[in-house]
PDB file of N, CA and C in Angstrom:
ATOM      1  N   MET A   1      25.611   5.698  -2.118  1.00  0.00           N
ATOM      2  CA  MET A   1      25.907   5.816  -0.724  1.00  0.00           C
ATOM      3  C   MET A   1      24.666   5.433   0.090  1.00  0.00           C
ATOM      4  N   PRO A   2      24.708   4.396   0.899  1.00  0.00           N
ATOM      5  CA  PRO A   2      23.531   4.040   1.740  1.00  0.00           C
ATOM      6  C   PRO A   2      23.380   4.886   2.938  1.00  0.00           C
ATOM      7  N   PHE A   3      22.146   5.050   3.387  1.00  0.00           N
ATOM      8  CA  PHE A   3      21.814   5.903   4.503  1.00  0.00           C
ATOM      9  C   PHE A   3      21.211   5.074   5.683  1.00  0.00           C
ATOM     10  N   TYR A   4      21.086   5.704   6.774  1.00  0.00           N
ATOM     11  CA  TYR A   4      20.477   5.149   8.005  1.00  0.00           C
ATOM     12  C   TYR A   4      18.933   5.167   7.785  1.00  0.00           C
ATOM     13  N   CYS A   5      18.245   4.097   8.080  1.00  0.00           N
ATOM     14  CA  CYS A   5      16.820   4.060   7.928  1.00  0.00           C
ATOM     15  C   CYS A   5      16.142   4.562   9.186  1.00  0.00           C
ATOM     16  N   PRO A   6      15.294   5.590   9.127  1.00  0.00           N
ATOM     17  CA  PRO A   6      14.625   6.168  10.263  1.00  0.00           C
ATOM     18  C   PRO A   6      13.595   5.254  10.877  1.00  0.00           C
ATOM     19  N   ASP A   7      13.089   4.296  10.130  1.00  0.00           N
ATOM     20  CA  ASP A   7      12.032   3.376  10.604  1.00  0.00           C
ATOM     21  C   ASP A   7      12.620   2.195  11.399  1.00  0.00           C
ATOM     22  N   CYS A   8      13.447   1.451  10.748  1.00  0.00           N
ATOM     23  CA  CYS A   8      13.932   0.199  11.336  1.00  0.00           C
ATOM     24  C   CYS A   8      15.252   0.415  12.070  1.00  0.00           C
ATOM     25  N   LYS A   9      15.848   1.603  11.898  1.00  0.00           N
ATOM     26  CA  LYS A   9      17.118   1.974  12.585  1.00  0.00           C
ATOM     27  C   LYS A   9      18.330   1.217  12.167  1.00  0.00           C
ATOM     28  N   VAL A  10      18.235   0.556  11.012  1.00  0.00           N
ATOM     29  CA  VAL A  10      19.435  -0.181  10.537  1.00  0.00           C
ATOM     30  C   VAL A  10      20.348   0.763   9.696  1.00  0.00           C
ATOM     31  N   GLN A  11      21.611   0.691  10.072  1.00  0.00           N
ATOM     32  CA  GLN A  11      22.624   1.498   9.398  1.00  0.00           C
ATOM     33  C   GLN A  11      22.816   0.991   7.961  1.00  0.00           C
ATOM     34  N   LYS A  12      23.038   1.956   7.099  1.00  0.00           N
ATOM     35  CA  LYS A  12      23.351   1.657   5.721  1.00  0.00           C
ATOM     36  C   LYS A  12      22.406   0.685   5.020  1.00  0.00           C
ATOM     37  N   SER A  13      21.126   0.922   5.290  1.00  0.00           N
ATOM     38  CA  SER A  13      20.106   0.058   4.605  1.00  0.00           C
ATOM     39  C   SER A  13      19.160   0.785   3.666  1.00  0.00           C
ATOM     40  N   LEU A  14      19.284   2.092   3.630  1.00  0.00           N
ATOM     41  CA  LEU A  14      18.475   2.906   2.756  1.00  0.00           C
ATOM     42  C   LEU A  14      19.233   3.341   1.529  1.00  0.00           C
ATOM     43  N   TYR A  15      18.802   2.833   0.345  1.00  0.00           N
ATOM     44  CA  TYR A  15      19.571   2.981  -0.878  1.00  0.00           C
ATOM     45  C   TYR A  15      18.783   3.751  -1.909  1.00  0.00           C
ATOM     46  N   VAL A  16      19.481   4.537  -2.768  1.00  0.00           N
ATOM     47  CA  VAL A  16      18.856   5.217  -3.911  1.00  0.00           C
ATOM     48  C   VAL A  16      18.646   4.141  -4.953  1.00  0.00           C
ATOM     49  N   VAL A  17      17.379   4.049  -5.404  1.00  0.00           N
ATOM     50  CA  VAL A  17      17.113   3.053  -6.447  1.00  0.00           C
ATOM     51  C   VAL A  17      16.804   3.697  -7.811  1.00  0.00           C
ATOM     52  N   ALA A  18      16.534   5.023  -7.744  1.00  0.00           N
ATOM     53  CA  ALA A  18      16.352   5.769  -9.014  1.00  0.00           C
ATOM     54  C   ALA A  18      16.555   7.266  -8.741  1.00  0.00           C
ATOM     55  N   SER A  19      16.979   8.013  -9.688  1.00  0.00           N
ATOM     56  CA  SER A  19      17.099   9.447  -9.479  1.00  0.00           C
ATOM     57  C   SER A  19      16.978  10.204 -10.776  1.00  0.00           C
ATOM     58  N   MET A  20      16.626  11.449 -10.687  1.00  0.00           N
ATOM     59  CA  MET A  20      16.469  12.274 -11.893  1.00  0.00           C
ATOM     60  C   MET A  20      16.955  13.660 -11.580  1.00  0.00           C
ATOM     61  N   GLU A  21      17.855  14.164 -12.475  1.00  0.00           N
ATOM     62  CA  GLU A  21      18.353  15.532 -12.362  1.00  0.00           C
ATOM     63  C   GLU A  21      17.365  16.484 -12.886  1.00  0.00           C
ATOM     64  N   LEU A  22      16.942  17.551 -12.185  1.00  0.00           N
ATOM     65  CA  LEU A  22      15.947  18.458 -12.574  1.00  0.00           C
ATOM     66  C   LEU A  22      16.600  19.843 -12.828  1.00  0.00           C
ATOM     67  N   ALA A  23      15.841  20.682 -13.535  1.00  0.00           N
ATOM     68  CA  ALA A  23      16.288  22.042 -13.768  1.00  0.00           C
ATOM     69  C   ALA A  23      16.451  22.816 -12.443  1.00  0.00           C
ATOM     70  N   GLY A  24      17.437  23.641 -12.331  1.00  0.00           N
ATOM     71  CA  GLY A  24      17.522  24.489 -11.192  1.00  0.00           C
ATOM     72  C   GLY A  24      16.412  25.511 -11.074  1.00  0.00           C
ATOM     73  N   ASP A  25      16.261  26.133  -9.969  1.00  0.00           N
ATOM     74  CA  ASP A  25      15.194  27.196  -9.807  1.00  0.00           C
ATOM     75  C   ASP A  25      15.789  28.481  -9.313  1.00  0.00           C
ATOM     76  N   SER A  26      14.982  29.367  -8.769  1.00  0.00           N
ATOM     77  CA  SER A  26      15.502  30.666  -8.364  1.00  0.00           C
ATOM     78  C   SER A  26      16.338  30.591  -7.086  1.00  0.00           C
ATOM     79  N   ARG A  27      16.367  29.449  -6.414  1.00  0.00           N
ATOM     80  CA  ARG A  27      17.177  29.259  -5.184  1.00  0.00           C
ATOM     81  C   ARG A  27      18.317  28.275  -5.312  1.00  0.00           C
ATOM     82  N   TRP A  28      18.171  27.290  -6.168  1.00  0.00           N
ATOM     83  CA  TRP A  28      19.135  26.177  -6.281  1.00  0.00           C
ATOM     84  C   TRP A  28      19.594  26.042  -7.655  1.00  0.00           C
ATOM     85  N   ASP A  29      20.949  25.765  -7.817  1.00  0.00           N
ATOM     86  CA  ASP A  29      21.504  25.546  -9.123  1.00  0.00           C
ATOM     87  C   ASP A  29      21.191  24.090  -9.593  1.00  0.00           C
ATOM     88  N   GLU A  30      21.186  23.162  -8.682  1.00  0.00           N
ATOM     89  CA  GLU A  30      20.933  21.748  -9.003  1.00  0.00           C
ATOM     90  C   GLU A  30      19.880  21.202  -8.089  1.00  0.00           C
ATOM     91  N   ILE A  31      18.976  20.409  -8.693  1.00  0.00           N
ATOM     92  CA  ILE A  31      17.935  19.699  -7.961  1.00  0.00           C
ATOM     93  C   ILE A  31      17.937  18.266  -8.412  1.00  0.00           C
ATOM     94  N   THR A  32      18.054  17.351  -7.490  1.00  0.00           N
ATOM     95  CA  THR A  32      17.981  15.936  -7.854  1.00  0.00           C
ATOM     96  C   THR A  32      16.865  15.251  -7.037  1.00  0.00           C
ATOM     97  N   LEU A  33      15.962  14.623  -7.736  1.00  0.00           N
ATOM     98  CA  LEU A  33      14.845  13.870  -7.073  1.00  0.00           C
ATOM     99  C   LEU A  33      15.300  12.412  -7.019  1.00  0.00           C
ATOM    100  N   GLN A  34      15.190  11.800  -5.837  1.00  0.00           N
ATOM    101  CA  GLN A  34      15.654  10.453  -5.667  1.00  0.00           C
ATOM    102  C   GLN A  34      14.564   9.573  -5.083  1.00  0.00           C
ATOM    103  N   MET A  35      14.524   8.345  -5.534  1.00  0.00           N
ATOM    104  CA  MET A  35      13.685   7.336  -4.927  1.00  0.00           C
ATOM    105  C   MET A  35      14.588   6.410  -4.142  1.00  0.00           C
ATOM    106  N   LEU A  36      14.266   6.186  -2.823  1.00  0.00           N
ATOM    107  CA  LEU A  36      15.070   5.320  -2.043  1.00  0.00           C
ATOM    108  C   LEU A  36      14.232   4.269  -1.400  1.00  0.00           C
ATOM    109  N   LYS A  37      14.862   3.120  -1.055  1.00  0.00           N
ATOM    110  CA  LYS A  37      14.097   2.036  -0.424  1.00  0.00           C
ATOM    111  C   LYS A  37      15.038   1.331   0.577  1.00  0.00           C
ATOM    112  N   CYS A  38      14.470   1.035   1.740  1.00  0.00           N
ATOM    113  CA  CYS A  38      15.261   0.307   2.726  1.00  0.00           C
ATOM    114  C   CYS A  38      15.236  -1.152   2.406  1.00  0.00           C
ATOM    115  N   GLU A  39      16.426  -1.731   2.323  1.00  0.00           N
ATOM    116  CA  GLU A  39      16.519  -3.190   2.020  1.00  0.00           C
ATOM    117  C   GLU A  39      16.133  -4.065   3.158  1.00  0.00           C
ATOM    118  N   HIS A  40      16.017  -3.427   4.352  1.00  0.00           N
ATOM    119  CA  HIS A  40      15.623  -4.174   5.561  1.00  0.00           C
ATOM    120  C   HIS A  40      14.170  -4.200   5.803  1.00  0.00           C
ATOM    121  N   CYS A  41      13.542  -2.987   5.915  1.00  0.00           N
ATOM    122  CA  CYS A  41      12.142  -2.960   6.248  1.00  0.00           C
ATOM    123  C   CYS A  41      11.236  -2.516   5.074  1.00  0.00           C
ATOM    124  N   GLN A  42      11.855  -2.268   3.931  1.00  0.00           N
ATOM    125  CA  GLN A  42      11.150  -1.870   2.699  1.00  0.00           C
ATOM    126  C   GLN A  42      10.477  -0.476   2.723  1.00  0.00           C
ATOM    127  N   LEU A  43      10.941   0.417   3.624  1.00  0.00           N
ATOM    128  CA  LEU A  43      10.428   1.778   3.674  1.00  0.00           C
ATOM    129  C   LEU A  43      10.712   2.412   2.394  1.00  0.00           C
ATOM    130  N   ASN A  44       9.769   3.194   1.844  1.00  0.00           N
ATOM    131  CA  ASN A  44       9.903   3.952   0.615  1.00  0.00           C
ATOM    132  C   ASN A  44      10.122   5.385   1.016  1.00  0.00           C
ATOM    133  N   VAL A  45      11.083   6.060   0.344  1.00  0.00           N
ATOM    134  CA  VAL A  45      11.459   7.423   0.640  1.00  0.00           C
ATOM    135  C   VAL A  45      11.698   8.210  -0.673  1.00  0.00           C
ATOM    136  N   LEU A  46      11.181   9.443  -0.686  1.00  0.00           N
ATOM    137  CA  LEU A  46      11.526  10.326  -1.803  1.00  0.00           C
ATOM    138  C   LEU A  46      12.537  11.297  -1.260  1.00  0.00           C
ATOM    139  N   GLY A  47      13.709  11.320  -1.893  1.00  0.00           N
ATOM    140  CA  GLY A  47      14.773  12.227  -1.451  1.00  0.00           C
ATOM    141  C   GLY A  47      14.928  13.417  -2.431  1.00  0.00           C
ATOM    142  N   VAL A  48      15.353  14.535  -1.842  1.00  0.00           N
ATOM    143  CA  VAL A  48      15.555  15.746  -2.648  1.00  0.00           C
ATOM    144  C   VAL A  48      16.928  16.249  -2.269  1.00  0.00           C
ATOM    145  N   TYR A  49      17.840  16.331  -3.255  1.00  0.00           N
ATOM    146  CA  TYR A  49      19.138  16.950  -3.043  1.00  0.00           C
ATOM    147  C   TYR A  49      19.199  18.188  -3.813  1.00  0.00           C
ATOM    148  N   GLN A  50      19.540  19.346  -3.140  1.00  0.00           N
ATOM    149  CA  GLN A  50      19.525  20.621  -3.762  1.00  0.00           C
ATOM    150  C   GLN A  50      20.942  21.200  -3.452  1.00  0.00           C
ATOM    151  N   GLU A  51      21.489  21.843  -4.432  1.00  0.00           N
ATOM    152  CA  GLU A  51      22.838  22.451  -4.276  1.00  0.00           C
ATOM    153  C   GLU A  51      22.916  23.811  -4.926  1.00  0.00           C
ATOM    154  N   SER A  52      23.532  24.739  -4.235  1.00  0.00           N
ATOM    155  CA  SER A  52      23.774  26.108  -4.757  1.00  0.00           C
ATOM    156  C   SER A  52      25.183  26.505  -4.636  1.00  0.00           C
ATOM    157  N   ARG A  53      25.688  27.103  -5.690  1.00  0.00           N
ATOM    158  CA  ARG A  53      27.053  27.593  -5.713  1.00  0.00           C
ATOM    159  C   ARG A  53      27.087  29.124  -5.856  1.00  0.00           C
ATOM    160  N   ARG A  54      25.995  29.772  -5.465  1.00  0.00           N
ATOM    161  CA  ARG A  54      25.883  31.220  -5.636  1.00  0.00           C
ATOM    162  C   ARG A  54      26.622  31.870  -4.453  1.00  0.00           C
ATOM    163  N   GLY A  55      27.143  33.086  -4.715  1.00  0.00           N
ATOM    164  CA  GLY A  55      27.903  33.747  -3.665  1.00  0.00           C
ATOM    165  C   GLY A  55      29.415  33.675  -3.961  1.00  0.00           C
ATOM    166  N   GLY A  56      30.213  33.623  -2.882  1.00  0.00           N
ATOM    167  CA  GLY A  56      31.659  33.556  -3.025  1.00  0.00           C
ATOM    168  C   GLY A  56      32.161  32.300  -3.732  1.00  0.00           C
ATOM    169  N   LEU A  57      33.342  32.355  -4.330  1.00  0.00           N
ATOM    170  CA  LEU A  57      33.858  31.191  -5.023  1.00  0.00           C
ATOM    171  C   LEU A  57      34.090  29.969  -4.121  1.00  0.00           C
ATOM    172  N   ASP A  58      34.264  30.229  -2.844  1.00  0.00           N
ATOM    173  CA  ASP A  58      34.495  29.145  -1.875  1.00  0.00           C
ATOM    174  C   ASP A  58      33.257  28.691  -1.174  1.00  0.00           C
ATOM    175  N   LYS A  59      32.103  29.183  -1.626  1.00  0.00           N
ATOM    176  CA  LYS A  59      30.812  28.891  -0.949  1.00  0.00           C
ATOM    177  C   LYS A  59      30.089  27.804  -1.774  1.00  0.00           C
ATOM    178  N   GLU A  60      29.598  26.806  -1.083  1.00  0.00           N
ATOM    179  CA  GLU A  60      28.776  25.789  -1.656  1.00  0.00           C
ATOM    180  C   GLU A  60      27.805  25.375  -0.568  1.00  0.00           C
ATOM    181  N   ILE A  61      26.517  25.437  -0.890  1.00  0.00           N
ATOM    182  CA  ILE A  61      25.470  25.109   0.053  1.00  0.00           C
ATOM    183  C   ILE A  61      24.669  23.927  -0.513  1.00  0.00           C
ATOM    184  N   PHE A  62      24.349  22.966   0.310  1.00  0.00           N
ATOM    185  CA  PHE A  62      23.519  21.894  -0.129  1.00  0.00           C
ATOM    186  C   PHE A  62      22.414  21.625   0.915  1.00  0.00           C
ATOM    187  N   HIS A  63      21.390  20.958   0.435  1.00  0.00           N
ATOM    188  CA  HIS A  63      20.263  20.625   1.288  1.00  0.00           C
ATOM    189  C   HIS A  63      19.784  19.252   0.838  1.00  0.00           C
ATOM    190  N   HIS A  64      19.770  18.320   1.707  1.00  0.00           N
ATOM    191  CA  HIS A  64      19.394  16.872   1.384  1.00  0.00           C
ATOM    192  C   HIS A  64      18.361  16.410   2.372  1.00  0.00           C
ATOM    193  N   VAL A  65      17.118  16.294   1.927  1.00  0.00           N
ATOM    194  CA  VAL A  65      16.060  15.861   2.800  1.00  0.00           C
ATOM    195  C   VAL A  65      15.296  14.756   2.189  1.00  0.00           C
ATOM    196  N   ALA A  66      14.468  14.123   3.003  1.00  0.00           N
ATOM    197  CA  ALA A  66      13.726  12.895   2.562  1.00  0.00           C
ATOM    198  C   ALA A  66      12.322  12.960   3.091  1.00  0.00           C
ATOM    199  N   TYR A  67      11.438  12.263   2.375  1.00  0.00           N
ATOM    200  CA  TYR A  67      10.016  12.209   2.773  1.00  0.00           C
ATOM    201  C   TYR A  67       9.619  10.773   2.697  1.00  0.00           C
ATOM    202  N   LYS A  68       8.924  10.248   3.680  1.00  0.00           N
ATOM    203  CA  LYS A  68       8.371   8.938   3.623  1.00  0.00           C
ATOM    204  C   LYS A  68       7.185   9.011   2.664  1.00  0.00           C
ATOM    205  N   ILE A  69       7.025   8.043   1.807  1.00  0.00           N
ATOM    206  CA  ILE A  69       5.904   8.040   0.902  1.00  0.00           C
ATOM    207  C   ILE A  69       5.286   6.652   0.808  1.00  0.00           C
ATOM    208  N   ASP A  70       3.987   6.654   0.510  1.00  0.00           N
ATOM    209  CA  ASP A  70       3.304   5.372   0.440  1.00  0.00           C
ATOM    210  C   ASP A  70       3.423   4.805  -0.967  1.00  0.00           C
ATOM    211  N   ALA A  71       2.951   3.522  -1.067  1.00  0.00           N
ATOM    212  CA  ALA A  71       3.155   2.787  -2.338  1.00  0.00           C
ATOM    213  C   ALA A  71       2.500   3.474  -3.513  1.00  0.00           C
ATOM    214  N   GLU A  72       1.402   4.122  -3.300  1.00  0.00           N
ATOM    215  CA  GLU A  72       0.685   4.800  -4.397  1.00  0.00           C
ATOM    216  C   GLU A  72       1.572   5.973  -4.991  1.00  0.00           C
ATOM    217  N   ARG A  73       2.123   6.782  -4.069  1.00  0.00           N
ATOM    218  CA  ARG A  73       3.040   7.855  -4.519  1.00  0.00           C
ATOM    219  C   ARG A  73       4.291   7.314  -5.145  1.00  0.00           C
ATOM    220  N   VAL A  74       4.841   6.227  -4.611  1.00  0.00           N
ATOM    221  CA  VAL A  74       6.030   5.613  -5.225  1.00  0.00           C
ATOM    222  C   VAL A  74       5.737   5.320  -6.692  1.00  0.00           C
ATOM    223  N   GLN A  75       4.566   4.714  -6.930  1.00  0.00           N
ATOM    224  CA  GLN A  75       4.182   4.310  -8.253  1.00  0.00           C
ATOM    225  C   GLN A  75       4.020   5.553  -9.142  1.00  0.00           C
ATOM    226  N   GLN A  76       3.421   6.670  -8.638  1.00  0.00           N
ATOM    227  CA  GLN A  76       3.297   7.820  -9.436  1.00  0.00           C
ATOM    228  C   GLN A  76       4.670   8.374  -9.881  1.00  0.00           C
ATOM    229  N   VAL A  77       5.612   8.480  -8.903  1.00  0.00           N
ATOM    230  CA  VAL A  77       6.918   8.957  -9.207  1.00  0.00           C
ATOM    231  C   VAL A  77       7.699   8.087 -10.121  1.00  0.00           C
ATOM    232  N   LYS A  78       7.546   6.773  -9.901  1.00  0.00           N
ATOM    233  CA  LYS A  78       8.232   5.764 -10.754  1.00  0.00           C
ATOM    234  C   LYS A  78       7.719   5.860 -12.198  1.00  0.00           C
ATOM    235  N   GLU A  79       6.404   5.992 -12.415  1.00  0.00           N
ATOM    236  CA  GLU A  79       5.889   6.098 -13.713  1.00  0.00           C
ATOM    237  C   GLU A  79       6.401   7.346 -14.402  1.00  0.00           C
ATOM    238  N   LEU A  80       6.526   8.448 -13.716  1.00  0.00           N
ATOM    239  CA  LEU A  80       7.043   9.673 -14.309  1.00  0.00           C
ATOM    240  C   LEU A  80       8.532   9.486 -14.673  1.00  0.00           C
ATOM    241  N   MET A  81       9.300   8.920 -13.730  1.00  0.00           N
ATOM    242  CA  MET A  81      10.776   8.771 -14.010  1.00  0.00           C
ATOM    243  C   MET A  81      10.975   7.786 -15.174  1.00  0.00           C
ATOM    244  N   ASP A  82      10.160   6.747 -15.284  1.00  0.00           N
ATOM    245  CA  ASP A  82      10.312   5.753 -16.329  1.00  0.00           C
ATOM    246  C   ASP A  82      10.053   6.303 -17.778  1.00  0.00           C
ATOM    247  N   VAL A  83       9.411   7.439 -17.823  1.00  0.00           N
ATOM    248  CA  VAL A  83       9.130   8.022 -19.171  1.00  0.00           C
ATOM    249  C   VAL A  83      10.438   8.558 -19.771  1.00  0.00           C
ATOM    250  N   CYS A  84      11.333   9.011 -18.952  1.00  0.00           N
ATOM    251  CA  CYS A  84      12.561   9.656 -19.455  1.00  0.00           C
ATOM    252  C   CYS A  84      13.595   8.648 -19.776  1.00  0.00           C
ATOM    253  N   THR A  85      14.305   8.889 -20.906  1.00  0.00           N
ATOM    254  CA  THR A  85      15.409   8.095 -21.368  1.00  0.00           C
ATOM    255  C   THR A  85      16.742   8.765 -20.970  1.00  0.00           C
ATOM    256  N   ARG A  86      16.691   9.985 -20.412  1.00  0.00           N
ATOM    257  CA  ARG A  86      17.921  10.749 -20.034  1.00  0.00           C
ATOM    258  C   ARG A  86      17.728  11.391 -18.666  1.00  0.00           C
ATOM    259  N   PRO A  87      17.604  10.527 -17.646  1.00  0.00           N
ATOM    260  CA  PRO A  87      17.377  11.074 -16.320  1.00  0.00           C
ATOM    261  C   PRO A  87      18.473  11.895 -15.696  1.00  0.00           C
ATOM    262  N   THR A  88      19.695  11.810 -16.260  1.00  0.00           N
ATOM    263  CA  THR A  88      20.795  12.569 -15.708  1.00  0.00           C
ATOM    264  C   THR A  88      20.963  13.889 -16.410  1.00  0.00           C
ATOM    265  N   ASP A  89      20.092  14.246 -17.357  1.00  0.00           N
ATOM    266  CA  ASP A  89      20.135  15.448 -18.145  1.00  0.00           C
ATOM    267  C   ASP A  89      19.068  16.470 -17.658  1.00  0.00           C
ATOM    268  N   ALA A  90      19.406  17.385 -16.826  1.00  0.00           N
ATOM    269  CA  ALA A  90      18.495  18.337 -16.296  1.00  0.00           C
ATOM    270  C   ALA A  90      17.782  19.158 -17.349  1.00  0.00           C
ATOM    271  N   LYS A  91      18.348  19.223 -18.591  1.00  0.00           N
ATOM    272  CA  LYS A  91      17.760  20.011 -19.638  1.00  0.00           C
ATOM    273  C   LYS A  91      16.920  19.193 -20.608  1.00  0.00           C
ATOM    274  N   CYS A  92      16.717  17.913 -20.196  1.00  0.00           N
ATOM    275  CA  CYS A  92      15.895  17.002 -21.102  1.00  0.00           C
ATOM    276  C   CYS A  92      14.467  17.608 -21.234  1.00  0.00           C
ATOM    277  N   PRO A  93      13.964  17.685 -22.434  1.00  0.00           N
ATOM    278  CA  PRO A  93      12.623  18.278 -22.630  1.00  0.00           C
ATOM    279  C   PRO A  93      11.451  17.282 -22.521  1.00  0.00           C
ATOM    280  N   CYS A  94      11.687  16.101 -22.052  1.00  0.00           N
ATOM    281  CA  CYS A  94      10.620  15.062 -21.934  1.00  0.00           C
ATOM    282  C   CYS A  94       9.467  15.553 -20.991  1.00  0.00           C
ATOM    283  N   ALA A  95       8.408  14.860 -21.076  1.00  0.00           N
ATOM    284  CA  ALA A  95       7.229  15.148 -20.257  1.00  0.00           C
ATOM    285  C   ALA A  95       7.489  15.008 -18.760  1.00  0.00           C
ATOM    286  N   ALA A  96       8.270  14.015 -18.373  1.00  0.00           N
ATOM    287  CA  ALA A  96       8.631  13.804 -16.973  1.00  0.00           C
ATOM    288  C   ALA A  96       9.456  14.937 -16.398  1.00  0.00           C
ATOM    289  N   HIS A  97      10.506  15.318 -17.159  1.00  0.00           N
ATOM    290  CA  HIS A  97      11.345  16.463 -16.663  1.00  0.00           C
ATOM    291  C   HIS A  97      10.496  17.742 -16.583  1.00  0.00           C
ATOM    292  N   THR A  98       9.645  17.974 -17.604  1.00  0.00           N
ATOM    293  CA  THR A  98       8.774  19.151 -17.627  1.00  0.00           C
ATOM    294  C   THR A  98       7.909  19.163 -16.402  1.00  0.00           C
ATOM    295  N   GLU A  99       7.253  18.079 -16.084  1.00  0.00           N
ATOM    296  CA  GLU A  99       6.371  18.020 -15.009  1.00  0.00           C
ATOM    297  C   GLU A  99       7.059  18.099 -13.615  1.00  0.00           C
ATOM    298  N   LEU A 100       8.112  17.380 -13.494  1.00  0.00           N
ATOM    299  CA  LEU A 100       8.861  17.298 -12.225  1.00  0.00           C
ATOM    300  C   LEU A 100       9.712  18.554 -11.971  1.00  0.00           C
ATOM    301  N   SER A 101      10.007  19.353 -13.015  1.00  0.00           N
ATOM    302  CA  SER A 101      10.745  20.566 -12.810  1.00  0.00           C
ATOM    303  C   SER A 101       9.852  21.803 -12.679  1.00  0.00           C
ATOM    304  N   ALA A 102       8.555  21.621 -12.473  1.00  0.00           N
ATOM    305  CA  ALA A 102       7.552  22.696 -12.455  1.00  0.00           C
ATOM    306  C   ALA A 102       7.979  23.714 -11.417  1.00  0.00           C
ATOM    307  N   GLN A 103       7.790  25.015 -11.739  1.00  0.00           N
ATOM    308  CA  GLN A 103       8.092  26.073 -10.815  1.00  0.00           C
ATOM    309  C   GLN A 103       6.881  27.035 -10.666  1.00  0.00           C
ATOM    310  N   ASP A 104       6.815  27.691  -9.489  1.00  0.00           N
ATOM    311  CA  ASP A 104       5.722  28.618  -9.292  1.00  0.00           C
ATOM    312  C   ASP A 104       6.048  29.953  -9.943  1.00  0.00           C
ATOM    313  N   ASP A 105       5.233  30.984  -9.671  1.00  0.00           N
ATOM    314  CA  ASP A 105       5.430  32.281 -10.245  1.00  0.00           C
ATOM    315  C   ASP A 105       6.688  33.025  -9.846  1.00  0.00           C
ATOM    316  N   GLN A 106       7.216  32.593  -8.682  1.00  0.00           N
ATOM    317  CA  GLN A 106       8.494  33.162  -8.161  1.00  0.00           C
ATOM    318  C   GLN A 106       9.737  32.381  -8.661  1.00  0.00           C
ATOM    319  N   GLY A 107       9.528  31.363  -9.493  1.00  0.00           N
ATOM    320  CA  GLY A 107      10.597  30.584 -10.031  1.00  0.00           C
ATOM    321  C   GLY A 107      11.131  29.563  -9.042  1.00  0.00           C
ATOM    322  N   GLN A 108      10.293  29.166  -8.026  1.00  0.00           N
ATOM    323  CA  GLN A 108      10.707  28.138  -7.053  1.00  0.00           C
ATOM    324  C   GLN A 108      10.114  26.805  -7.418  1.00  0.00           C
ATOM    325  N   TRP A 109      10.962  25.784  -7.305  1.00  0.00           N
ATOM    326  CA  TRP A 109      10.530  24.421  -7.581  1.00  0.00           C
ATOM    327  C   TRP A 109       9.333  24.042  -6.744  1.00  0.00           C
ATOM    328  N   MET A 110       8.383  23.328  -7.320  1.00  0.00           N
ATOM    329  CA  MET A 110       7.164  23.052  -6.587  1.00  0.00           C
ATOM    330  C   MET A 110       6.665  21.635  -6.832  1.00  0.00           C
ATOM    331  N   ALA A 111       7.433  20.743  -7.328  1.00  0.00           N
ATOM    332  CA  ALA A 111       6.983  19.356  -7.582  1.00  0.00           C
ATOM    333  C   ALA A 111       6.522  18.595  -6.387  1.00  0.00           C
ATOM    334  N   LEU A 112       7.113  18.854  -5.218  1.00  0.00           N
ATOM    335  CA  LEU A 112       6.726  18.175  -4.002  1.00  0.00           C
ATOM    336  C   LEU A 112       5.295  18.414  -3.652  1.00  0.00           C
ATOM    337  N   GLU A 113       4.822  19.582  -3.963  1.00  0.00           N
ATOM    338  CA  GLU A 113       3.411  19.891  -3.687  1.00  0.00           C
ATOM    339  C   GLU A 113       2.471  18.962  -4.417  1.00  0.00           C
ATOM    340  N   LYS A 114       2.909  18.528  -5.571  1.00  0.00           N
ATOM    341  CA  LYS A 114       2.052  17.631  -6.375  1.00  0.00           C
ATOM    342  C   LYS A 114       1.788  16.282  -5.669  1.00  0.00           C
ATOM    343  N   PHE A 115       2.758  15.871  -4.866  1.00  0.00           N
ATOM    344  CA  PHE A 115       2.653  14.630  -4.151  1.00  0.00           C
ATOM    345  C   PHE A 115       2.208  14.794  -2.738  1.00  0.00           C
ATOM    346  N   GLY A 116       1.928  16.017  -2.310  1.00  0.00           N
ATOM    347  CA  GLY A 116       1.382  16.228  -0.981  1.00  0.00           C
ATOM    348  C   GLY A 116       2.384  15.963   0.135  1.00  0.00           C
ATOM    349  N   LEU A 117       3.673  16.117  -0.169  1.00  0.00           N
ATOM    350  CA  LEU A 117       4.708  15.808   0.875  1.00  0.00           C
ATOM    351  C   LEU A 117       5.014  17.083   1.692  1.00  0.00           C
ATOM    352  N   ARG A 118       4.945  16.881   2.932  1.00  0.00           N
ATOM    353  CA  ARG A 118       5.214  18.048   3.842  1.00  0.00           C
ATOM    354  C   ARG A 118       6.229  17.817   4.904  1.00  0.00           C
ATOM    355  N   GLU A 119       6.149  16.683   5.593  1.00  0.00           N
ATOM    356  CA  GLU A 119       7.003  16.397   6.751  1.00  0.00           C
ATOM    357  C   GLU A 119       8.246  15.695   6.269  1.00  0.00           C
ATOM    358  N   ALA A 120       9.340  16.419   6.388  1.00  0.00           N
ATOM    359  CA  ALA A 120      10.686  15.915   5.939  1.00  0.00           C
ATOM    360  C   ALA A 120      11.514  15.434   7.076  1.00  0.00           C
ATOM    361  N   PHE A 121      12.469  14.552   6.798  1.00  0.00           N
ATOM    362  CA  PHE A 121      13.488  14.208   7.764  1.00  0.00           C
ATOM    363  C   PHE A 121      14.858  14.365   7.103  1.00  0.00           C
ATOM    364  N   THR A 122      15.840  14.514   7.911  1.00  0.00           N
ATOM    365  CA  THR A 122      17.200  14.680   7.374  1.00  0.00           C
ATOM    366  C   THR A 122      17.859  13.341   7.193  1.00  0.00           C
ATOM    367  N   PHE A 123      18.611  13.160   6.146  1.00  0.00           N
ATOM    368  CA  PHE A 123      19.393  11.949   5.901  1.00  0.00           C
ATOM    369  C   PHE A 123      20.484  11.811   6.965  1.00  0.00           C
ATOM    370  N   GLN A 124      20.716  10.601   7.399  1.00  0.00           N
ATOM    371  CA  GLN A 124      21.848  10.330   8.273  1.00  0.00           C
ATOM    372  C   GLN A 124      22.654   9.280   7.618  1.00  0.00           C
ATOM    373  N   LEU A 125      24.010   9.511   7.623  1.00  0.00           N
ATOM    374  CA  LEU A 125      24.897   8.555   7.028  1.00  0.00           C
ATOM    375  C   LEU A 125      25.184   7.475   8.085  1.00  0.00           C
TER     376      LEU A 125
END
């Protein structure tokens, strides 16, 4: 599903080019790390999709945010993702899944800290 690019403002130009399912943490049942690129202005984005099904049977909460990243960080993430032969398997024991699924002492996912990403924006369809 293509998204609106926040830089060039072109509708449906921001596409997921790679993704990796990660182990859930103390807050989220599912975590997906995504690499996105705008086909119009070439903006690089790191997306994070998190989903929780905790609580009532009819409750489902999701959080989908993005971070603009520079070419160096794109290369770091790409190199990690390329190591894995099973990117859709959150339980894969490979080095990439282990590193990208890292959690702190409270069991909260912390991989974004590795890349120094702080300022997020919300995806717009």
